[in-house]
Amino acid sequence: MTAGNEPADPIVRGTWATAKQSWGDLFRWKQRVVVSNGLGETYVEWQSPERLRNPISLFMLLSAKDFLYFFVGFFAWTADAFDFHALSIQTTKLAKYYNTSKTEISTAITLTLLLRSVGAAIFGLLGDRFGRKWPMVANMIILGLLQIATIYSVTFQQFLAVRSLFGLFMGGVYGNAVAMALENCHTDARGLMSGIMQQGYSFGYVLAACANLGVGGSTESWKIVFWIAAGLSMAAGLLRCCFPESKQFLESKKEGHKISAGDFWAETKSMLAREWRMCIYCIVLMSWFNYYSHTSQDSYTTFMIEEKELVSAAATRASIWMKTGACVGGTIIGYLSQWVGRRRAIVGAALISACLIPAWVLPKEEAQLSATGFLMQFFVQGAWGVIPIHLNELSPPAYRSSFPGITYQLGNMISSPSAQIVNAIAESHFISSKSGKLVEAYGPTMGIATAIIALGIVVTAALGPERKGRSFENAVAGAGANPHHADIEKAADNLSLAEQNTHETDPNGQKA
């Protein structure tokens, strides 16, 4: 046991027991940590939160190679976000182009989100089985081609079909990109790098909004934004070709660990049997989070145009400020989570965002909307900034490509109607605008929905588990299914084994 640290009760198993322990831990400043030593022994202790280190010193913990891996993962996630938001920020243009309602256009967003979970499962498992590199390369290049196919969709039915296929391939990006970007990061730098990584999504939105502002407000100009999106996606895929496979897979091949498909699937089924509670919890958490982001952002440009009566250029500028706040907030709160803990950072950010809702939806002028949008998304995406590393630490060690991606995208699937719900309710209810005419009630709809969702996140995170500081090293999916690789499994999955066998641990945290 680490000198000076107080022994803690073991991490419990079971839904209610976990909720009770997690709730109590939330209000205790010290954090319950499972520690492994070089002999494979594990114990649980209370550790004081790490001191808040200078971000520059944290950056210096990463080698040049680590930064390159992180950059490629970040770029792929940014391109993925640009692809998605190229549609959501141009809803009004697309509705005019296809001569349909904004609610009907948002059907494309729903279909995209629905099928992302399928892509996450396929490409995430391929990433865990064959490595991060080639699944990501295929993902990004095909996404670029599908953006071009969207441009040439003549009818609205063709448009919906292409966007559905787009969602399938879009779903495979997140898990592989996050795993590649974060798995080589030093433990102390994970919170900061997680916050930066997640904001690739917001940065993609900022770039898409800038592109939309640059091409002007004409109906046909939406196609130019999609051409830019196609170029970014293909560039990310080609860039990934220039870098080697992740360290885990290279070391596995070097040491001659040949894992058959049978071993891999046997181990995957065993993992699901052991970790089904964690899978369900993460899906619920990510459902809340995806409702959180999509409800508060997808219709925000439309809200400023329709309800606040801003011109398209002004609404786009306000959207850029909004997502700039997201980039800043995600980075800062992700960084702070290394000190205060993952769940406390999420709970605090979600509560503050709920308090900001009136200031977010009531202003009427561009400058006010830009400022409050910046603050709102600072905390919305601030909570999101903790998610990449939180999901990676909750994941079974050998499934850090598939588990975060699948749970994230299943949450996306459940939240997929969010844009449609907001548009449908807003278009059926009306309020008076500053000019006195009746307009669609986007502000009240988004405000009430976001308040409910933020409180849902607070409760779910407060009652859920946390595995801050979990070891990422030497995890090879499928190794445990082969008796010749038992030693690898023991080294790779120490924490999971410790959590499964807490009944064999005495109150002082020593193995029985």
Protein backbone atom coordinates (compact mmCIF):
# COMPACT_ATOMS: atom_id res chain seq x y z
CA MET A 1 0.00 0.00 0.00
CA THR A 2 1.16 3.52 -0.76
CA ALA A 3 2.69 5.08 2.33
CA GLY A 4 0.38 7.48 4.16
CA ASN A 5 -2.82 6.54 2.30
CA GLU A 6 -5.86 5.35 4.23
CA PRO A 7 -7.24 1.90 3.29
CA ALA A 8 -10.73 1.93 1.78
CA ASP A 9 -13.53 -0.59 1.55
CA PRO A 10 -13.49 -2.54 -1.74
CA ILE A 11 -15.41 -1.32 -4.76
CA VAL A 12 -18.80 -3.00 -4.47
CA ARG A 13 -20.73 -4.95 -7.08
CA GLY A 14 -24.43 -4.57 -7.79
CA THR A 15 -26.59 -1.70 -8.98
CA TRP A 16 -27.90 -0.33 -5.68
CA ALA A 17 -24.69 -0.98 -3.78
CA THR A 18 -22.72 0.91 -6.44
CA ALA A 19 -25.18 3.83 -6.39
CA LYS A 20 -24.99 4.08 -2.60
CA GLN A 21 -21.18 3.92 -2.54
CA SER A 22 -20.84 6.38 -5.45
CA TRP A 23 -23.20 8.90 -3.82
CA GLY A 24 -21.20 8.80 -0.59
CA ASP A 25 -17.88 9.11 -2.44
CA LEU A 26 -19.12 12.19 -4.28
CA PHE A 27 -19.11 14.18 -1.02
CA ARG A 28 -15.77 12.90 0.22
CA TRP A 29 -12.79 14.94 -0.97
CA LYS A 30 -10.44 11.98 -1.09
CA GLN A 31 -11.02 9.55 -3.96
CA ARG A 32 -11.43 5.76 -3.74
CA VAL A 33 -8.74 4.24 -6.00
CA VAL A 34 -7.91 0.64 -6.94
CA VAL A 35 -4.13 0.24 -6.94
CA SER A 36 -2.12 -2.57 -8.56
CA ASN A 37 1.50 -3.39 -7.81
CA GLY A 38 4.10 -5.11 -9.93
CA LEU A 39 3.15 -8.54 -8.54
CA GLY A 40 -0.40 -8.31 -9.82
CA GLU A 41 -1.82 -7.69 -6.34
CA THR A 42 -4.60 -5.14 -6.00
CA TYR A 43 -6.00 -3.13 -3.11
CA VAL A 44 -8.25 -0.14 -2.56
CA GLU A 45 -7.26 3.07 -0.80
CA TRP A 46 -8.29 6.68 -0.30
CA GLN A 47 -6.05 9.04 -2.21
CA SER A 48 -5.96 12.82 -1.97
CA PRO A 49 -6.79 14.51 -5.30
CA GLU A 50 -3.78 15.28 -7.42
CA ARG A 51 -2.56 18.84 -7.16
CA LEU A 52 -3.54 20.96 -10.13
CA ARG A 53 -0.43 20.91 -12.28
CA ASN A 54 0.67 23.53 -14.77
CA PRO A 55 -0.80 22.56 -18.18
CA ILE A 56 2.59 23.14 -19.82
CA SER A 57 4.19 20.57 -17.50
CA LEU A 58 1.42 18.12 -18.45
CA PHE A 59 2.06 18.69 -22.16
CA MET A 60 5.73 17.95 -21.53
CA LEU A 61 4.81 14.47 -20.28
CA LEU A 62 3.86 13.54 -23.86
CA SER A 63 6.47 12.62 -26.43
CA ALA A 64 6.44 13.93 -29.99
CA LYS A 65 4.96 10.61 -31.11
CA ASP A 66 2.21 10.86 -28.50
CA PHE A 67 1.33 14.33 -29.81
CA LEU A 68 1.21 13.06 -33.38
CA TYR A 69 -1.19 10.27 -32.44
CA PHE A 70 -3.30 12.75 -30.50
CA PHE A 71 -3.37 15.22 -33.40
CA VAL A 72 -4.52 12.59 -35.91
CA GLY A 73 -7.28 11.42 -33.57
CA PHE A 74 -8.34 15.02 -32.92
CA PHE A 75 -8.32 15.88 -36.63
CA ALA A 76 -10.44 12.83 -37.50
CA TRP A 77 -12.98 13.73 -34.80
CA THR A 78 -13.02 17.38 -35.98
CA ALA A 79 -13.63 16.32 -39.59
CA ASP A 80 -16.39 13.97 -38.41
CA ALA A 81 -18.06 16.84 -36.52
CA PHE A 82 -17.73 19.18 -39.52
CA ASP A 83 -19.47 16.55 -41.66
CA PHE A 84 -22.38 16.31 -39.21
CA HIS A 85 -22.82 20.03 -38.60
CA ALA A 86 -22.61 20.87 -42.29
CA LEU A 87 -26.25 19.73 -42.27
CA SER A 88 -27.50 20.98 -38.89
CA ILE A 89 -26.36 24.60 -39.34
CA GLN A 90 -27.89 24.76 -42.84
CA THR A 91 -31.35 23.44 -42.00
CA THR A 92 -33.08 26.55 -43.32
CA LYS A 93 -31.18 26.45 -46.65
CA LEU A 94 -31.87 22.74 -47.13
CA ALA A 95 -35.57 23.16 -46.32
CA LYS A 96 -35.80 25.76 -49.12
CA TYR A 97 -33.71 23.68 -51.53
CA TYR A 98 -35.85 20.55 -51.13
CA ASN A 99 -39.08 22.56 -50.67
CA THR A 100 -39.94 20.94 -47.34
CA SER A 101 -40.19 21.89 -43.67
CA LYS A 102 -37.32 22.24 -41.22
CA THR A 103 -38.80 19.35 -39.21
CA GLU A 104 -38.56 17.12 -42.29
CA ILE A 105 -34.94 18.16 -42.85
CA SER A 106 -34.19 17.25 -39.22
CA THR A 107 -35.32 13.71 -40.10
CA ALA A 108 -31.91 13.39 -41.76
CA ILE A 109 -30.25 14.21 -38.43
CA THR A 110 -32.38 11.54 -36.72
CA LEU A 111 -31.45 8.90 -39.31
CA THR A 112 -27.78 9.81 -39.04
CA LEU A 113 -27.82 9.44 -35.25
CA LEU A 114 -29.84 6.22 -35.37
CA LEU A 115 -27.35 4.39 -37.55
CA ARG A 116 -24.21 5.68 -35.85
CA SER A 117 -24.51 2.95 -33.20
CA VAL A 118 -24.33 0.26 -35.90
CA GLY A 119 -21.16 1.79 -37.32
CA ALA A 120 -19.70 2.14 -33.82
CA ALA A 121 -20.21 -1.58 -33.16
CA ILE A 122 -18.76 -2.69 -36.50
CA PHE A 123 -15.73 -0.41 -36.67
CA GLY A 124 -15.10 -0.39 -32.92
CA LEU A 125 -14.83 -4.17 -32.79
CA LEU A 126 -12.70 -4.12 -35.94
CA GLY A 127 -10.47 -1.59 -34.19
CA ASP A 128 -10.09 -3.86 -31.15
CA ARG A 129 -9.53 -6.93 -33.32
CA PHE A 130 -7.26 -5.57 -36.09
CA GLY A 131 -5.99 -2.22 -34.80
CA ARG A 132 -7.03 1.43 -34.93
CA LYS A 133 -5.43 2.34 -38.24
CA TRP A 134 -7.22 0.80 -41.21
CA PRO A 135 -10.78 0.92 -39.83
CA MET A 136 -10.30 4.66 -39.34
CA VAL A 137 -8.79 5.13 -42.80
CA ALA A 138 -11.78 3.37 -44.40
CA ASN A 139 -14.21 5.37 -42.24
CA MET A 140 -12.86 8.78 -43.17
CA ILE A 141 -12.48 8.21 -46.90
CA ILE A 142 -15.98 6.73 -47.24
CA LEU A 143 -17.41 9.63 -45.23
CA GLY A 144 -15.84 12.03 -47.72
CA LEU A 145 -17.39 10.15 -50.63
CA LEU A 146 -20.80 10.19 -48.95
CA GLN A 147 -20.58 13.97 -48.48
CA ILE A 148 -20.10 14.23 -52.25
CA ALA A 149 -23.04 11.88 -52.80
CA THR A 150 -25.18 14.18 -50.64
CA ILE A 151 -24.38 17.10 -52.94
CA TYR A 152 -25.66 15.13 -55.93
CA SER A 153 -28.88 13.96 -54.24
CA VAL A 154 -31.61 15.30 -56.53
CA THR A 155 -34.69 14.33 -54.50
CA PHE A 156 -35.36 14.54 -50.78
CA GLN A 157 -35.69 10.73 -50.64
CA GLN A 158 -32.21 10.34 -52.13
CA PHE A 159 -30.92 12.88 -49.62
CA LEU A 160 -32.36 10.88 -46.70
CA ALA A 161 -30.97 7.59 -48.04
CA VAL A 162 -27.44 9.00 -48.38
CA ARG A 163 -27.54 10.59 -44.90
CA SER A 164 -28.63 7.25 -43.41
CA LEU A 165 -25.61 5.54 -44.97
CA PHE A 166 -23.48 8.46 -43.82
CA GLY A 167 -24.57 7.83 -40.22
CA LEU A 168 -23.45 4.20 -40.43
CA PHE A 169 -19.87 5.17 -41.28
CA MET A 170 -19.82 8.26 -39.08
CA GLY A 171 -20.47 6.06 -36.05
CA GLY A 172 -17.18 4.24 -36.41
CA VAL A 173 -14.97 7.30 -35.99
CA TYR A 174 -15.33 8.24 -32.32
CA GLY A 175 -14.16 5.03 -30.62
CA ASN A 176 -11.07 4.55 -32.74
CA ALA A 177 -10.15 8.25 -32.74
CA VAL A 178 -10.47 8.62 -28.96
CA ALA A 179 -8.65 5.36 -28.22
CA MET A 180 -5.77 6.29 -30.52
CA ALA A 181 -5.54 9.82 -29.13
CA LEU A 182 -5.70 8.99 -25.41
CA GLU A 183 -4.34 5.50 -24.85
CA ASN A 184 -0.72 6.67 -25.11
CA CYS A 185 -1.22 9.74 -22.90
CA HIS A 186 0.53 9.88 -19.54
CA THR A 187 -1.93 9.20 -16.68
CA ASP A 188 -1.50 12.69 -15.19
CA ALA A 189 -2.27 14.38 -18.52
CA ARG A 190 -5.41 12.41 -19.34
CA GLY A 191 -7.94 14.94 -18.01
CA LEU A 192 -6.43 17.84 -19.95
CA MET A 193 -6.03 15.85 -23.18
CA SER A 194 -9.54 14.39 -22.84
CA GLY A 195 -10.99 17.89 -22.63
CA ILE A 196 -9.07 18.98 -25.72
CA MET A 197 -9.96 15.80 -27.61
CA GLN A 198 -13.70 16.08 -27.01
CA GLN A 199 -13.67 19.65 -28.27
CA GLY A 200 -12.76 18.41 -31.72
CA TYR A 201 -16.56 18.11 -31.97
CA SER A 202 -17.08 21.78 -31.08
CA PHE A 203 -14.15 22.86 -33.23
CA GLY A 204 -15.72 21.03 -36.17
CA TYR A 205 -18.90 23.02 -35.53
CA VAL A 206 -16.93 26.31 -35.47
CA LEU A 207 -15.24 25.44 -38.77
CA ALA A 208 -18.57 24.47 -40.35
CA ALA A 209 -20.18 27.70 -39.12
CA CYS A 210 -17.25 29.74 -40.50
CA ALA A 211 -17.62 27.95 -43.83
CA ASN A 212 -21.36 28.67 -43.84
CA LEU A 213 -20.69 32.32 -43.07
CA GLY A 214 -18.10 32.49 -45.83
CA VAL A 215 -20.29 31.02 -48.58
CA GLY A 216 -23.19 33.40 -47.89
CA GLY A 217 -26.90 32.86 -47.40
CA SER A 218 -28.04 31.77 -50.88
CA THR A 219 -29.96 28.52 -51.04
CA GLU A 220 -27.46 26.74 -53.33
CA SER A 221 -24.47 27.67 -51.16
CA TRP A 222 -25.02 24.65 -48.86
CA LYS A 223 -23.24 22.49 -51.44
CA ILE A 224 -19.96 24.36 -51.04
CA VAL A 225 -19.89 23.58 -47.31
CA PHE A 226 -20.38 19.90 -48.13
CA TRP A 227 -17.47 19.99 -50.60
CA ILE A 228 -15.25 21.38 -47.84
CA ALA A 229 -16.48 18.62 -45.50
CA ALA A 230 -15.62 15.95 -48.06
CA GLY A 231 -12.09 17.34 -48.41
CA LEU A 232 -11.48 17.36 -44.65
CA SER A 233 -12.69 13.77 -44.19
CA MET A 234 -10.55 12.40 -47.00
CA ALA A 235 -7.54 14.38 -45.74
CA ALA A 236 -7.97 12.82 -42.27
CA GLY A 237 -8.09 9.33 -43.78
CA LEU A 238 -5.00 9.90 -45.91
CA LEU A 239 -3.15 11.45 -42.96
CA ARG A 240 -3.87 8.37 -40.84
CA CYS A 241 -2.22 6.23 -43.52
CA CYS A 242 1.09 7.97 -42.75
CA PHE A 243 1.28 6.82 -39.13
CA PRO A 244 1.87 3.33 -37.69
CA GLU A 245 -0.51 1.21 -35.69
CA SER A 246 -1.07 1.88 -31.98
CA LYS A 247 1.56 0.74 -29.50
CA GLN A 248 -0.54 -2.07 -28.00
CA PHE A 249 -1.03 -3.83 -31.33
CA LEU A 250 2.57 -3.36 -32.44
CA GLU A 251 3.86 -4.85 -29.18
CA SER A 252 1.37 -7.71 -29.40
CA LYS A 253 2.59 -8.62 -32.90
CA LYS A 254 6.24 -8.24 -31.92
CA GLU A 255 5.83 -10.66 -29.03
CA GLY A 256 4.03 -13.17 -31.22
CA HIS A 257 0.59 -12.99 -29.60
CA LYS A 258 -1.64 -14.26 -32.40
CA ILE A 259 -5.26 -13.88 -31.40
CA SER A 260 -7.77 -15.84 -33.43
CA ALA A 261 -11.24 -14.62 -34.26
CA GLY A 262 -12.63 -17.35 -32.00
CA ASP A 263 -10.53 -16.13 -29.07
CA PHE A 264 -11.63 -12.57 -29.66
CA TRP A 265 -15.36 -13.32 -29.79
CA ALA A 266 -15.17 -15.69 -26.83
CA GLU A 267 -13.49 -13.00 -24.77
CA THR A 268 -16.01 -10.41 -25.98
CA LYS A 269 -18.94 -12.55 -24.83
CA SER A 270 -17.23 -13.15 -21.50
CA MET A 271 -16.67 -9.41 -21.08
CA LEU A 272 -20.34 -8.65 -21.78
CA ALA A 273 -21.42 -11.25 -19.23
CA ARG A 274 -19.15 -9.65 -16.60
CA GLU A 275 -19.73 -6.02 -17.45
CA TRP A 276 -23.39 -5.81 -18.50
CA ARG A 277 -24.24 -3.39 -15.68
CA MET A 278 -21.44 -1.07 -16.73
CA CYS A 279 -22.61 -1.27 -20.37
CA ILE A 280 -26.17 -0.29 -19.44
CA TYR A 281 -24.98 2.51 -17.15
CA CYS A 282 -22.73 4.04 -19.82
CA ILE A 283 -25.51 3.83 -22.43
CA VAL A 284 -27.90 5.67 -20.08
CA LEU A 285 -25.25 8.29 -19.29
CA MET A 286 -24.47 8.83 -22.96
CA SER A 287 -28.17 9.06 -23.83
CA TRP A 288 -28.49 11.97 -21.41
CA PHE A 289 -25.32 13.58 -22.76
CA ASN A 290 -26.35 13.29 -26.39
CA TYR A 291 -29.76 14.81 -25.64
CA TYR A 292 -27.83 17.52 -23.77
CA SER A 293 -25.70 18.57 -26.72
CA HIS A 294 -28.20 18.06 -29.56
CA THR A 295 -31.08 19.79 -27.76
CA SER A 296 -28.95 22.79 -26.83
CA GLN A 297 -27.17 23.27 -30.17
CA ASP A 298 -28.75 21.66 -33.25
CA SER A 299 -31.62 24.14 -33.51
CA TYR A 300 -29.85 27.13 -31.97
CA THR A 301 -29.05 28.84 -35.29
CA THR A 302 -32.66 28.28 -36.39
CA PHE A 303 -33.82 29.70 -33.02
CA MET A 304 -31.87 32.92 -33.61
CA ILE A 305 -33.16 33.29 -37.18
CA GLU A 306 -36.81 32.40 -36.57
CA GLU A 307 -37.50 33.62 -33.02
CA LYS A 308 -34.90 36.35 -32.52
CA GLU A 309 -35.22 37.54 -36.14
CA LEU A 310 -31.49 37.77 -36.78
CA VAL A 311 -30.22 37.62 -40.34
CA SER A 312 -28.37 34.45 -41.32
CA ALA A 313 -24.91 36.05 -41.03
CA ALA A 314 -25.60 37.38 -37.51
CA ALA A 315 -26.99 34.03 -36.35
CA THR A 316 -23.94 32.25 -37.74
CA ARG A 317 -21.57 34.67 -35.96
CA ALA A 318 -23.40 34.06 -32.67
CA SER A 319 -23.14 30.30 -33.29
CA ILE A 320 -19.39 30.61 -33.77
CA TRP A 321 -19.07 32.40 -30.41
CA MET A 322 -21.28 29.75 -28.83
CA LYS A 323 -19.03 26.92 -29.97
CA THR A 324 -15.88 28.85 -29.16
CA GLY A 325 -17.16 28.82 -25.58
CA ALA A 326 -17.61 25.07 -25.93
CA CYS A 327 -13.99 24.59 -27.00
CA VAL A 328 -12.70 26.67 -24.09
CA GLY A 329 -15.02 25.12 -21.49
CA GLY A 330 -14.39 21.54 -22.54
CA THR A 331 -10.65 22.00 -22.30
CA ILE A 332 -10.72 23.76 -18.91
CA ILE A 333 -13.23 21.48 -17.18
CA GLY A 334 -11.61 18.36 -18.63
CA TYR A 335 -8.34 19.63 -17.14
CA LEU A 336 -10.00 20.35 -13.77
CA SER A 337 -11.44 16.81 -13.67
CA GLN A 338 -7.91 15.53 -13.08
CA TRP A 339 -8.05 17.38 -9.74
CA VAL A 340 -11.69 17.29 -8.55
CA GLY A 341 -12.55 13.92 -10.13
CA ARG A 342 -14.55 13.00 -13.22
CA ARG A 343 -18.02 12.89 -11.68
CA ARG A 344 -17.70 16.07 -9.61
CA ALA A 345 -16.59 17.96 -12.73
CA ILE A 346 -19.60 16.65 -14.70
CA VAL A 347 -22.11 17.36 -11.92
CA GLY A 348 -20.81 20.89 -11.30
CA ALA A 349 -20.81 21.86 -14.99
CA ALA A 350 -24.31 20.46 -15.60
CA LEU A 351 -25.77 22.31 -12.59
CA ILE A 352 -24.25 25.63 -13.68
CA SER A 353 -25.57 25.17 -17.23
CA ALA A 354 -29.09 24.61 -15.84
CA CYS A 355 -28.84 27.90 -13.90
CA LEU A 356 -27.78 29.75 -17.09
CA ILE A 357 -30.80 28.72 -19.19
CA PRO A 358 -32.87 31.93 -18.70
CA ALA A 359 -29.89 34.10 -19.67
CA TRP A 360 -29.35 31.81 -22.67
CA VAL A 361 -32.80 32.01 -24.29
CA LEU A 362 -34.19 35.45 -23.24
CA PRO A 363 -31.77 37.96 -24.90
CA LYS A 364 -32.82 39.48 -28.23
CA GLU A 365 -29.70 41.05 -29.77
CA GLU A 366 -26.72 39.40 -31.46
CA ALA A 367 -24.12 40.56 -28.90
CA GLN A 368 -26.17 39.32 -25.93
CA LEU A 369 -26.96 35.99 -27.59
CA SER A 370 -23.28 35.54 -28.46
CA ALA A 371 -22.18 36.17 -24.85
CA THR A 372 -24.77 33.94 -23.18
CA GLY A 373 -24.35 31.26 -25.84
CA PHE A 374 -20.62 31.28 -25.11
CA LEU A 375 -21.25 30.79 -21.36
CA MET A 376 -23.92 28.13 -21.84
CA GLN A 377 -21.82 25.98 -24.12
CA PHE A 378 -18.75 26.56 -21.91
CA PHE A 379 -20.48 24.42 -19.29
CA VAL A 380 -22.43 22.07 -21.59
CA GLN A 381 -19.29 21.06 -23.45
CA GLY A 382 -17.32 21.46 -20.23
CA ALA A 383 -19.22 18.46 -18.88
CA TRP A 384 -18.66 16.74 -22.22
CA GLY A 385 -14.91 17.39 -21.97
CA VAL A 386 -14.67 14.79 -19.19
CA ILE A 387 -16.46 12.09 -21.20
CA PRO A 388 -13.66 10.68 -23.44
CA ILE A 389 -11.38 9.81 -20.53
CA HIS A 390 -14.29 8.89 -18.22
CA LEU A 391 -15.58 6.33 -20.76
CA ASN A 392 -12.08 5.01 -21.40
CA GLU A 393 -11.49 4.52 -17.67
CA LEU A 394 -14.86 2.78 -17.23
CA SER A 395 -14.22 0.52 -20.24
CA PRO A 396 -12.98 -3.07 -19.90
CA PRO A 397 -9.24 -2.55 -20.55
CA ALA A 398 -9.02 -4.51 -23.81
CA TYR A 399 -12.12 -2.87 -25.35
CA ARG A 400 -11.25 0.81 -25.31
CA SER A 401 -11.93 1.13 -29.05
CA SER A 402 -15.33 -0.58 -29.13
CA PHE A 403 -16.77 0.10 -25.65
CA PRO A 404 -16.61 3.94 -25.65
CA GLY A 405 -17.70 4.12 -29.29
CA ILE A 406 -20.61 1.70 -28.94
CA THR A 407 -21.97 3.16 -25.70
CA TYR A 408 -21.56 6.70 -27.06
CA GLN A 409 -23.36 5.89 -30.30
CA LEU A 410 -26.12 3.86 -28.64
CA GLY A 411 -26.74 6.97 -26.56
CA ASN A 412 -26.80 8.88 -29.85
CA MET A 413 -29.35 6.42 -31.22
CA ILE A 414 -31.64 6.86 -28.21
CA SER A 415 -31.32 10.64 -28.44
CA SER A 416 -31.64 10.70 -32.23
CA PRO A 417 -35.15 12.27 -32.32
CA SER A 418 -33.96 15.27 -30.25
CA ALA A 419 -33.74 17.72 -33.17
CA GLN A 420 -37.06 16.52 -34.56
CA ILE A 421 -38.73 16.83 -31.15
CA VAL A 422 -37.46 20.38 -30.65
CA ASN A 423 -38.48 21.45 -34.17
CA ALA A 424 -41.89 19.77 -34.00
CA ILE A 425 -42.81 21.30 -30.62
CA ALA A 426 -41.42 24.72 -31.54
CA GLU A 427 -43.24 24.79 -34.89
CA SER A 428 -46.56 23.95 -33.21
CA HIS A 429 -46.31 26.60 -30.46
CA PHE A 430 -45.92 30.33 -30.92
CA ILE A 431 -44.74 33.35 -28.92
CA SER A 432 -44.44 37.05 -29.69
CA SER A 433 -41.11 38.24 -31.10
CA LYS A 434 -39.47 41.62 -30.46
CA SER A 435 -41.25 42.95 -33.58
CA GLY A 436 -44.61 41.86 -32.16
CA LYS A 437 -45.43 39.07 -34.61
CA LEU A 438 -46.03 35.45 -33.66
CA VAL A 439 -42.98 33.22 -34.15
CA GLU A 440 -42.14 29.58 -33.50
CA ALA A 441 -41.30 28.95 -29.82
CA TYR A 442 -37.76 27.57 -30.10
CA GLY A 443 -36.45 29.32 -26.97
CA PRO A 444 -38.95 27.94 -24.42
CA THR A 445 -38.77 24.48 -26.01
CA MET A 446 -34.98 24.27 -25.84
CA GLY A 447 -34.85 25.85 -22.38
CA ILE A 448 -37.30 23.45 -20.70
CA ALA A 449 -35.82 20.40 -22.42
CA THR A 450 -32.24 21.33 -21.54
CA ALA A 451 -33.15 21.93 -17.86
CA ILE A 452 -34.67 18.44 -17.58
CA ILE A 453 -31.68 16.85 -19.32
CA ALA A 454 -29.09 18.68 -17.20
CA LEU A 455 -30.75 17.43 -14.00
CA GLY A 456 -30.85 13.91 -15.45
CA ILE A 457 -27.09 14.07 -16.02
CA VAL A 458 -26.51 15.30 -12.47
CA VAL A 459 -28.42 12.38 -10.94
CA THR A 460 -26.93 9.74 -13.27
CA ALA A 461 -23.34 10.89 -12.78
CA ALA A 462 -23.76 11.29 -9.01
CA LEU A 463 -24.99 7.70 -8.62
CA GLY A 464 -22.57 6.13 -11.11
CA PRO A 465 -19.07 4.63 -10.83
CA GLU A 466 -15.72 6.32 -11.40
CA ARG A 467 -12.37 4.67 -12.19
CA LYS A 468 -10.07 7.69 -12.34
CA GLY A 469 -6.42 6.68 -12.82
CA ARG A 470 -7.17 3.25 -14.24
CA SER A 471 -4.30 1.43 -15.95
CA PHE A 472 -4.40 1.30 -19.76
CA GLU A 473 -1.29 -0.77 -20.38
CA ASN A 474 -0.95 -4.19 -22.02
CA ALA A 475 -4.62 -4.75 -22.80
CA VAL A 476 -5.12 -7.15 -25.72
CA ALA A 477 -8.66 -8.19 -26.65
CA GLY A 478 -9.02 -11.94 -26.91
CA ALA A 479 -5.84 -12.81 -25.05
CA GLY A 480 -7.78 -14.08 -22.08
CA ALA A 481 -9.63 -16.64 -24.18
CA ASN A 482 -6.42 -18.50 -25.01
CA PRO A 483 -4.80 -20.52 -22.19
CA HIS A 484 -1.35 -19.77 -23.62
CA HIS A 485 -1.98 -16.08 -23.00
CA ALA A 486 -3.16 -16.23 -19.40
CA ASP A 487 -0.20 -14.17 -18.28
CA ILE A 488 -1.16 -11.40 -20.70
CA GLU A 489 -4.73 -11.36 -19.45
CA LYS A 490 -3.54 -11.12 -15.87
CA ALA A 491 -1.40 -8.09 -16.61
CA ALA A 492 -3.99 -6.49 -18.90
CA ASP A 493 -7.13 -6.81 -16.84
CA ASN A 494 -5.95 -6.40 -13.26
CA LEU A 495 -8.57 -3.86 -12.38
CA SER A 496 -11.49 -5.79 -13.85
CA LEU A 497 -10.43 -8.92 -11.96
CA ALA A 498 -10.13 -6.92 -8.77
CA GLU A 499 -13.62 -5.51 -9.19
CA GLN A 500 -15.09 -8.96 -9.88
CA ASN A 501 -13.53 -10.53 -6.80
CA THR A 502 -14.08 -7.93 -4.12
CA HIS A 503 -15.67 -10.61 -1.94
CA GLU A 504 -12.18 -12.08 -1.58
CA THR A 505 -10.78 -8.83 -0.20
CA ASP A 506 -10.64 -8.06 3.51
CA PRO A 507 -11.67 -4.63 4.90
CA ASN A 508 -8.08 -3.39 4.74
CA GLY A 509 -8.00 -3.86 0.99
CA GLN A 510 -5.56 -6.85 1.01
CA LYS A 511 -6.20 -10.00 -1.00
CA ALA A 512 -7.68 -12.80 1.13
